[in-house]
Amino acid sequence: MTNQPDRLDRIEAALDRQLQVNADLRVTAEALLQTVQIHQQNFEVIVGEIRQMQSDIRGLQTENRRIWERLERQDQQ
């Protein structure tokens, strides 16, 4: 029966190590989640900026078309 306390100590130590590993994994998972959330926010900002650029480009295209049509009318006169 002298082995029984040693065995319990080893089991307890193994459980303590497993708890620490689980805690470390949780911290790592939380850090990864924060990183993903930051990237998602950045992505949403970039998508918004791209949409704004597309809108600006459409406006410039419309303006260029009007200028081109005006120049063509002047050439025809």
PDB file of N, CA and C in Angstrom:
ATOM      1  N   MET A   1       0.799  -1.197   0.000  1.00  0.00           N
ATOM      2  CA  MET A   1       0.000   0.000   0.000  1.00  0.00           C
ATOM      3  C   MET A   1       0.842   1.262   0.000  1.00  0.00           C
ATOM      4  N   THR A   2       2.132   1.121   0.044  1.00  0.00           N
ATOM      5  CA  THR A   2       2.970   2.307  -0.008  1.00  0.00           C
ATOM      6  C   THR A   2       2.949   2.917  -1.401  1.00  0.00           C
ATOM      7  N   ASN A   3       2.577   2.154  -2.401  1.00  0.00           N
ATOM      8  CA  ASN A   3       2.515   2.677  -3.770  1.00  0.00           C
ATOM      9  C   ASN A   3       1.291   3.552  -4.006  1.00  0.00           C
ATOM     10  N   GLN A   4       0.264   3.363  -3.218  1.00  0.00           N
ATOM     11  CA  GLN A   4      -0.980   4.082  -3.429  1.00  0.00           C
ATOM     12  C   GLN A   4      -0.788   5.607  -3.355  1.00  0.00           C
ATOM     13  N   PRO A   5      -0.137   6.182  -2.349  1.00  0.00           N
ATOM     14  CA  PRO A   5       0.064   7.634  -2.324  1.00  0.00           C
ATOM     15  C   PRO A   5       0.884   8.127  -3.518  1.00  0.00           C
ATOM     16  N   ASP A   6       1.907   7.369  -3.922  1.00  0.00           N
ATOM     17  CA  ASP A   6       2.698   7.779  -5.078  1.00  0.00           C
ATOM     18  C   ASP A   6       1.835   7.823  -6.333  1.00  0.00           C
ATOM     19  N   ARG A   7       1.004   6.826  -6.482  1.00  0.00           N
ATOM     20  CA  ARG A   7       0.132   6.771  -7.661  1.00  0.00           C
ATOM     21  C   ARG A   7      -0.836   7.947  -7.663  1.00  0.00           C
ATOM     22  N   LEU A   8      -1.438   8.233  -6.516  1.00  0.00           N
ATOM     23  CA  LEU A   8      -2.355   9.377  -6.414  1.00  0.00           C
ATOM     24  C   LEU A   8      -1.625  10.689  -6.702  1.00  0.00           C
ATOM     25  N   ASP A   9      -0.397  10.803  -6.200  1.00  0.00           N
ATOM     26  CA  ASP A   9       0.396  12.014  -6.476  1.00  0.00           C
ATOM     27  C   ASP A   9       0.652  12.173  -7.970  1.00  0.00           C
ATOM     28  N   ARG A  10       0.974  11.044  -8.619  1.00  0.00           N
ATOM     29  CA  ARG A  10       1.219  11.102 -10.071  1.00  0.00           C
ATOM     30  C   ARG A  10      -0.049  11.467 -10.833  1.00  0.00           C
ATOM     31  N   ILE A  11      -1.165  10.904 -10.403  1.00  0.00           N
ATOM     32  CA  ILE A  11      -2.445  11.225 -11.060  1.00  0.00           C
ATOM     33  C   ILE A  11      -2.776  12.697 -10.863  1.00  0.00           C
ATOM     34  N   GLU A  12      -2.591  13.164  -9.638  1.00  0.00           N
ATOM     35  CA  GLU A  12      -2.861  14.571  -9.351  1.00  0.00           C
ATOM     36  C   GLU A  12      -1.940  15.478 -10.168  1.00  0.00           C
ATOM     37  N   ALA A  13      -0.677  15.130 -10.256  1.00  0.00           N
ATOM     38  CA  ALA A  13       0.271  15.921 -11.045  1.00  0.00           C
ATOM     39  C   ALA A  13      -0.124  15.911 -12.528  1.00  0.00           C
ATOM     40  N   ALA A  14      -0.548  14.748 -13.011  1.00  0.00           N
ATOM     41  CA  ALA A  14      -0.967  14.648 -14.413  1.00  0.00           C
ATOM     42  C   ALA A  14      -2.203  15.507 -14.660  1.00  0.00           C
ATOM     43  N   LEU A  15      -3.138  15.497 -13.733  1.00  0.00           N
ATOM     44  CA  LEU A  15      -4.332  16.329 -13.870  1.00  0.00           C
ATOM     45  C   LEU A  15      -3.979  17.815 -13.828  1.00  0.00           C
ATOM     46  N   ASP A  16      -3.069  18.183 -12.944  1.00  0.00           N
ATOM     47  CA  ASP A  16      -2.619  19.578 -12.874  1.00  0.00           C
ATOM     48  C   ASP A  16      -1.984  20.009 -14.201  1.00  0.00           C
ATOM     49  N   ARG A  17      -1.145  19.123 -14.768  1.00  0.00           N
ATOM     50  CA  ARG A  17      -0.524  19.441 -16.064  1.00  0.00           C
ATOM     51  C   ARG A  17      -1.580  19.581 -17.150  1.00  0.00           C
ATOM     52  N   GLN A  18      -2.571  18.689 -17.132  1.00  0.00           N
ATOM     53  CA  GLN A  18      -3.627  18.748 -18.143  1.00  0.00           C
ATOM     54  C   GLN A  18      -4.440  20.032 -18.009  1.00  0.00           C
ATOM     55  N   LEU A  19      -4.709  20.422 -16.756  1.00  0.00           N
ATOM     56  CA  LEU A  19      -5.421  21.691 -16.533  1.00  0.00           C
ATOM     57  C   LEU A  19      -4.631  22.866 -17.083  1.00  0.00           C
ATOM     58  N   GLN A  20      -3.316  22.844 -16.894  1.00  0.00           N
ATOM     59  CA  GLN A  20      -2.474  23.921 -17.405  1.00  0.00           C
ATOM     60  C   GLN A  20      -2.464  23.923 -18.930  1.00  0.00           C
ATOM     61  N   VAL A  21      -2.368  22.733 -19.512  1.00  0.00           N
ATOM     62  CA  VAL A  21      -2.394  22.633 -20.977  1.00  0.00           C
ATOM     63  C   VAL A  21      -3.720  23.171 -21.507  1.00  0.00           C
ATOM     64  N   ASN A  22      -4.827  22.794 -20.877  1.00  0.00           N
ATOM     65  CA  ASN A  22      -6.143  23.286 -21.298  1.00  0.00           C
ATOM     66  C   ASN A  22      -6.230  24.804 -21.170  1.00  0.00           C
ATOM     67  N   ALA A  23      -5.686  25.336 -20.082  1.00  0.00           N
ATOM     68  CA  ALA A  23      -5.694  26.792 -19.895  1.00  0.00           C
ATOM     69  C   ALA A  23      -4.853  27.470 -20.971  1.00  0.00           C
ATOM     70  N   ASP A  24      -3.703  26.893 -21.272  1.00  0.00           N
ATOM     71  CA  ASP A  24      -2.844  27.459 -22.320  1.00  0.00           C
ATOM     72  C   ASP A  24      -3.543  27.417 -23.676  1.00  0.00           C
ATOM     73  N   LEU A  25      -4.203  26.302 -23.973  1.00  0.00           N
ATOM     74  CA  LEU A  25      -4.940  26.185 -25.241  1.00  0.00           C
ATOM     75  C   LEU A  25      -6.061  27.213 -25.318  1.00  0.00           C
ATOM     76  N   ARG A  26      -6.721  27.421 -24.189  1.00  0.00           N
ATOM     77  CA  ARG A  26      -7.813  28.402 -24.172  1.00  0.00           C
ATOM     78  C   ARG A  26      -7.276  29.806 -24.456  1.00  0.00           C
ATOM     79  N   VAL A  27      -6.161  30.147 -23.822  1.00  0.00           N
ATOM     80  CA  VAL A  27      -5.546  31.461 -24.057  1.00  0.00           C
ATOM     81  C   VAL A  27      -5.158  31.595 -25.533  1.00  0.00           C
ATOM     82  N   THR A  28      -4.581  30.535 -26.087  1.00  0.00           N
ATOM     83  CA  THR A  28      -4.192  30.554 -27.497  1.00  0.00           C
ATOM     84  C   THR A  28      -5.413  30.711 -28.390  1.00  0.00           C
ATOM     85  N   ALA A  29      -6.472  29.970 -28.097  1.00  0.00           N
ATOM     86  CA  ALA A  29      -7.696  30.056 -28.898  1.00  0.00           C
ATOM     87  C   ALA A  29      -8.309  31.449 -28.804  1.00  0.00           C
ATOM     88  N   GLU A  30      -8.303  32.033 -27.628  1.00  0.00           N
ATOM     89  CA  GLU A  30      -8.846  33.384 -27.459  1.00  0.00           C
ATOM     90  C   GLU A  30      -8.013  34.403 -28.225  1.00  0.00           C
ATOM     91  N   ALA A  31      -6.703  34.245 -28.204  1.00  0.00           N
ATOM     92  CA  ALA A  31      -5.828  35.156 -28.954  1.00  0.00           C
ATOM     93  C   ALA A  31      -6.078  35.021 -30.454  1.00  0.00           C
ATOM     94  N   LEU A  32      -6.246  33.785 -30.914  1.00  0.00           N
ATOM     95  CA  LEU A  32      -6.545  33.576 -32.333  1.00  0.00           C
ATOM     96  C   LEU A  32      -7.890  34.180 -32.712  1.00  0.00           C
ATOM     97  N   LEU A  33      -8.868  34.023 -31.845  1.00  0.00           N
ATOM     98  CA  LEU A  33     -10.185  34.598 -32.099  1.00  0.00           C
ATOM     99  C   LEU A  33     -10.092  36.120 -32.189  1.00  0.00           C
ATOM    100  N   GLN A  34      -9.342  36.734 -31.304  1.00  0.00           N
ATOM    101  CA  GLN A  34      -9.167  38.190 -31.364  1.00  0.00           C
ATOM    102  C   GLN A  34      -8.495  38.600 -32.670  1.00  0.00           C
ATOM    103  N   THR A  35      -7.504  37.830 -33.093  1.00  0.00           N
ATOM    104  CA  THR A  35      -6.819  38.123 -34.350  1.00  0.00           C
ATOM    105  C   THR A  35      -7.780  38.027 -35.518  1.00  0.00           C
ATOM    106  N   VAL A  36      -8.608  36.993 -35.520  1.00  0.00           N
ATOM    107  CA  VAL A  36      -9.593  36.818 -36.594  1.00  0.00           C
ATOM    108  C   VAL A  36     -10.588  37.974 -36.585  1.00  0.00           C
ATOM    109  N   GLN A  37     -11.024  38.387 -35.417  1.00  0.00           N
ATOM    110  CA  GLN A  37     -11.971  39.494 -35.321  1.00  0.00           C
ATOM    111  C   GLN A  37     -11.362  40.788 -35.847  1.00  0.00           C
ATOM    112  N   ILE A  38     -10.112  41.029 -35.537  1.00  0.00           N
ATOM    113  CA  ILE A  38      -9.429  42.223 -36.045  1.00  0.00           C
ATOM    114  C   ILE A  38      -9.324  42.172 -37.562  1.00  0.00           C
ATOM    115  N   HIS A  39      -8.952  40.997 -38.090  1.00  0.00           N
ATOM    116  CA  HIS A  39      -8.860  40.856 -39.546  1.00  0.00           C
ATOM    117  C   HIS A  39     -10.226  41.045 -40.198  1.00  0.00           C
ATOM    118  N   GLN A  40     -11.269  40.548 -39.569  1.00  0.00           N
ATOM    119  CA  GLN A  40     -12.625  40.715 -40.110  1.00  0.00           C
ATOM    120  C   GLN A  40     -13.004  42.196 -40.142  1.00  0.00           C
ATOM    121  N   GLN A  41     -12.694  42.915 -39.073  1.00  0.00           N
ATOM    122  CA  GLN A  41     -12.990  44.349 -39.043  1.00  0.00           C
ATOM    123  C   GLN A  41     -12.209  45.079 -40.130  1.00  0.00           C
ATOM    124  N   ASN A  42     -10.926  44.731 -40.277  1.00  0.00           N
ATOM    125  CA  ASN A  42     -10.119  45.361 -41.325  1.00  0.00           C
ATOM    126  C   ASN A  42     -10.682  45.049 -42.702  1.00  0.00           C
ATOM    127  N   PHE A  43     -11.110  43.808 -42.906  1.00  0.00           N
ATOM    128  CA  PHE A  43     -11.694  43.400 -44.174  1.00  0.00           C
ATOM    129  C   PHE A  43     -12.948  44.219 -44.471  1.00  0.00           C
ATOM    130  N   GLU A  44     -13.795  44.398 -43.468  1.00  0.00           N
ATOM    131  CA  GLU A  44     -15.019  45.173 -43.658  1.00  0.00           C
ATOM    132  C   GLU A  44     -14.702  46.620 -44.012  1.00  0.00           C
ATOM    133  N   VAL A  45     -13.686  47.189 -43.383  1.00  0.00           N
ATOM    134  CA  VAL A  45     -13.271  48.566 -43.711  1.00  0.00           C
ATOM    135  C   VAL A  45     -12.777  48.632 -45.153  1.00  0.00           C
ATOM    136  N   ILE A  46     -11.958  47.662 -45.543  1.00  0.00           N
ATOM    137  CA  ILE A  46     -11.410  47.642 -46.902  1.00  0.00           C
ATOM    138  C   ILE A  46     -12.528  47.486 -47.925  1.00  0.00           C
ATOM    139  N   VAL A  47     -13.486  46.611 -47.651  1.00  0.00           N
ATOM    140  CA  VAL A  47     -14.616  46.432 -48.570  1.00  0.00           C
ATOM    141  C   VAL A  47     -15.384  47.747 -48.711  1.00  0.00           C
ATOM    142  N   GLY A  48     -15.593  48.430 -47.604  1.00  0.00           N
ATOM    143  CA  GLY A  48     -16.270  49.738 -47.657  1.00  0.00           C
ATOM    144  C   GLY A  48     -15.491  50.744 -48.496  1.00  0.00           C
ATOM    145  N   GLU A  49     -14.167  50.747 -48.334  1.00  0.00           N
ATOM    146  CA  GLU A  49     -13.339  51.663 -49.122  1.00  0.00           C
ATOM    147  C   GLU A  49     -13.376  51.296 -50.603  1.00  0.00           C
ATOM    148  N   ILE A  50     -13.374  50.013 -50.916  1.00  0.00           N
ATOM    149  CA  ILE A  50     -13.454  49.582 -52.316  1.00  0.00           C
ATOM    150  C   ILE A  50     -14.791  50.007 -52.915  1.00  0.00           C
ATOM    151  N   ARG A  51     -15.864  49.839 -52.165  1.00  0.00           N
ATOM    152  CA  ARG A  51     -17.185  50.264 -52.662  1.00  0.00           C
ATOM    153  C   ARG A  51     -17.213  51.768 -52.921  1.00  0.00           C
ATOM    154  N   GLN A  52     -16.582  52.523 -52.044  1.00  0.00           N
ATOM    155  CA  GLN A  52     -16.530  53.975 -52.240  1.00  0.00           C
ATOM    156  C   GLN A  52     -15.719  54.312 -53.492  1.00  0.00           C
ATOM    157  N   MET A  53     -14.594  53.603 -53.694  1.00  0.00           N
ATOM    158  CA  MET A  53     -13.791  53.833 -54.899  1.00  0.00           C
ATOM    159  C   MET A  53     -14.576  53.477 -56.154  1.00  0.00           C
ATOM    160  N   GLN A  54     -15.340  52.381 -56.103  1.00  0.00           N
ATOM    161  CA  GLN A  54     -16.156  51.996 -57.253  1.00  0.00           C
ATOM    162  C   GLN A  54     -17.163  53.086 -57.575  1.00  0.00           C
ATOM    163  N   SER A  55     -17.760  53.625 -56.544  1.00  0.00           N
ATOM    164  CA  SER A  55     -18.727  54.705 -56.736  1.00  0.00           C
ATOM    165  C   SER A  55     -18.048  55.935 -57.343  1.00  0.00           C
ATOM    166  N   ASP A  56     -16.871  56.270 -56.829  1.00  0.00           N
ATOM    167  CA  ASP A  56     -16.121  57.410 -57.377  1.00  0.00           C
ATOM    168  C   ASP A  56     -15.764  57.174 -58.841  1.00  0.00           C
ATOM    169  N   ILE A  57     -15.358  55.957 -59.161  1.00  0.00           N
ATOM    170  CA  ILE A  57     -14.981  55.621 -60.535  1.00  0.00           C
ATOM    171  C   ILE A  57     -16.192  55.741 -61.453  1.00  0.00           C
ATOM    172  N   ARG A  58     -17.343  55.234 -61.000  1.00  0.00           N
ATOM    173  CA  ARG A  58     -18.558  55.361 -61.815  1.00  0.00           C
ATOM    174  C   ARG A  58     -18.878  56.831 -62.071  1.00  0.00           C
ATOM    175  N   GLY A  59     -18.721  57.652 -61.032  1.00  0.00           N
ATOM    176  CA  GLY A  59     -18.963  59.086 -61.198  1.00  0.00           C
ATOM    177  C   GLY A  59     -17.998  59.705 -62.202  1.00  0.00           C
ATOM    178  N   LEU A  60     -16.730  59.319 -62.131  1.00  0.00           N
ATOM    179  CA  LEU A  60     -15.750  59.834 -63.094  1.00  0.00           C
ATOM    180  C   LEU A  60     -16.054  59.352 -64.510  1.00  0.00           C
ATOM    181  N   GLN A  61     -16.493  58.107 -64.629  1.00  0.00           N
ATOM    182  CA  GLN A  61     -16.847  57.587 -65.951  1.00  0.00           C
ATOM    183  C   GLN A  61     -18.009  58.364 -66.543  1.00  0.00           C
ATOM    184  N   THR A  62     -19.003  58.654 -65.722  1.00  0.00           N
ATOM    185  CA  THR A  62     -20.157  59.438 -66.189  1.00  0.00           C
ATOM    186  C   THR A  62     -19.717  60.833 -66.613  1.00  0.00           C
ATOM    187  N   GLU A  63     -18.881  61.453 -65.803  1.00  0.00           N
ATOM    188  CA  GLU A  63     -18.377  62.787 -66.130  1.00  0.00           C
ATOM    189  C   GLU A  63     -17.550  62.762 -67.420  1.00  0.00           C
ATOM    190  N   ASN A  64     -16.707  61.744 -67.556  1.00  0.00           N
ATOM    191  CA  ASN A  64     -15.902  61.619 -68.780  1.00  0.00           C
ATOM    192  C   ASN A  64     -16.784  61.424 -70.002  1.00  0.00           C
ATOM    193  N   ARG A  65     -17.852  60.617 -69.877  1.00  0.00           N
ATOM    194  CA  ARG A  65     -18.780  60.415 -70.988  1.00  0.00           C
ATOM    195  C   ARG A  65     -19.435  61.730 -71.397  1.00  0.00           C
ATOM    196  N   ARG A  66     -19.866  62.513 -70.428  1.00  0.00           N
ATOM    197  CA  ARG A  66     -20.498  63.810 -70.727  1.00  0.00           C
ATOM    198  C   ARG A  66     -19.511  64.742 -71.436  1.00  0.00           C
ATOM    199  N   ILE A  67     -18.282  64.780 -70.937  1.00  0.00           N
ATOM    200  CA  ILE A  67     -17.263  65.622 -71.570  1.00  0.00           C
ATOM    201  C   ILE A  67     -17.012  65.145 -72.995  1.00  0.00           C
ATOM    202  N   TRP A  68     -16.900  63.829 -73.176  1.00  0.00           N
ATOM    203  CA  TRP A  68     -16.649  63.262 -74.499  1.00  0.00           C
ATOM    204  C   TRP A  68     -17.789  63.601 -75.462  1.00  0.00           C
ATOM    205  N   GLU A  69     -19.035  63.457 -74.993  1.00  0.00           N
ATOM    206  CA  GLU A  69     -20.190  63.787 -75.833  1.00  0.00           C
ATOM    207  C   GLU A  69     -20.197  65.270 -76.192  1.00  0.00           C
ATOM    208  N   ARG A  70     -19.847  66.113 -75.255  1.00  0.00           N
ATOM    209  CA  ARG A  70     -19.802  67.565 -75.517  1.00  0.00           C
ATOM    210  C   ARG A  70     -18.731  67.882 -76.569  1.00  0.00           C
ATOM    211  N   LEU A  71     -17.561  67.244 -76.412  1.00  0.00           N
ATOM    212  CA  LEU A  71     -16.486  67.464 -77.387  1.00  0.00           C
ATOM    213  C   LEU A  71     -16.898  66.962 -78.775  1.00  0.00           C
ATOM    214  N   GLU A  72     -17.582  65.835 -78.821  1.00  0.00           N
ATOM    215  CA  GLU A  72     -18.044  65.325 -80.117  1.00  0.00           C
ATOM    216  C   GLU A  72     -19.058  66.265 -80.755  1.00  0.00           C
ATOM    217  N   ARG A  73     -19.958  66.835 -79.968  1.00  0.00           N
ATOM    218  CA  ARG A  73     -20.924  67.798 -80.489  1.00  0.00           C
ATOM    219  C   ARG A  73     -20.227  69.036 -81.037  1.00  0.00           C
ATOM    220  N   GLN A  74     -19.185  69.486 -80.314  1.00  0.00           N
ATOM    221  CA  GLN A  74     -18.444  70.659 -80.781  1.00  0.00           C
ATOM    222  C   GLN A  74     -17.731  70.366 -82.101  1.00  0.00           C
ATOM    223  N   ASP A  75     -17.201  69.153 -82.234  1.00  0.00           N
ATOM    224  CA  ASP A  75     -16.524  68.779 -83.479  1.00  0.00           C
ATOM    225  C   ASP A  75     -17.504  68.713 -84.651  1.00  0.00           C
ATOM    226  N   GLN A  76     -18.743  68.381 -84.385  1.00  0.00           N
ATOM    227  CA  GLN A  76     -19.733  68.237 -85.436  1.00  0.00           C
ATOM    228  C   GLN A  76     -20.296  69.584 -85.886  1.00  0.00           C
ATOM    229  N   GLN A  77     -20.071  70.609 -85.129  1.00  0.00           N
ATOM    230  CA  GLN A  77     -20.629  71.935 -85.495  1.00  0.00           C
ATOM    231  C   GLN A  77     -19.748  72.686 -86.431  1.00  0.00           C
TER     232      GLN A  77
END
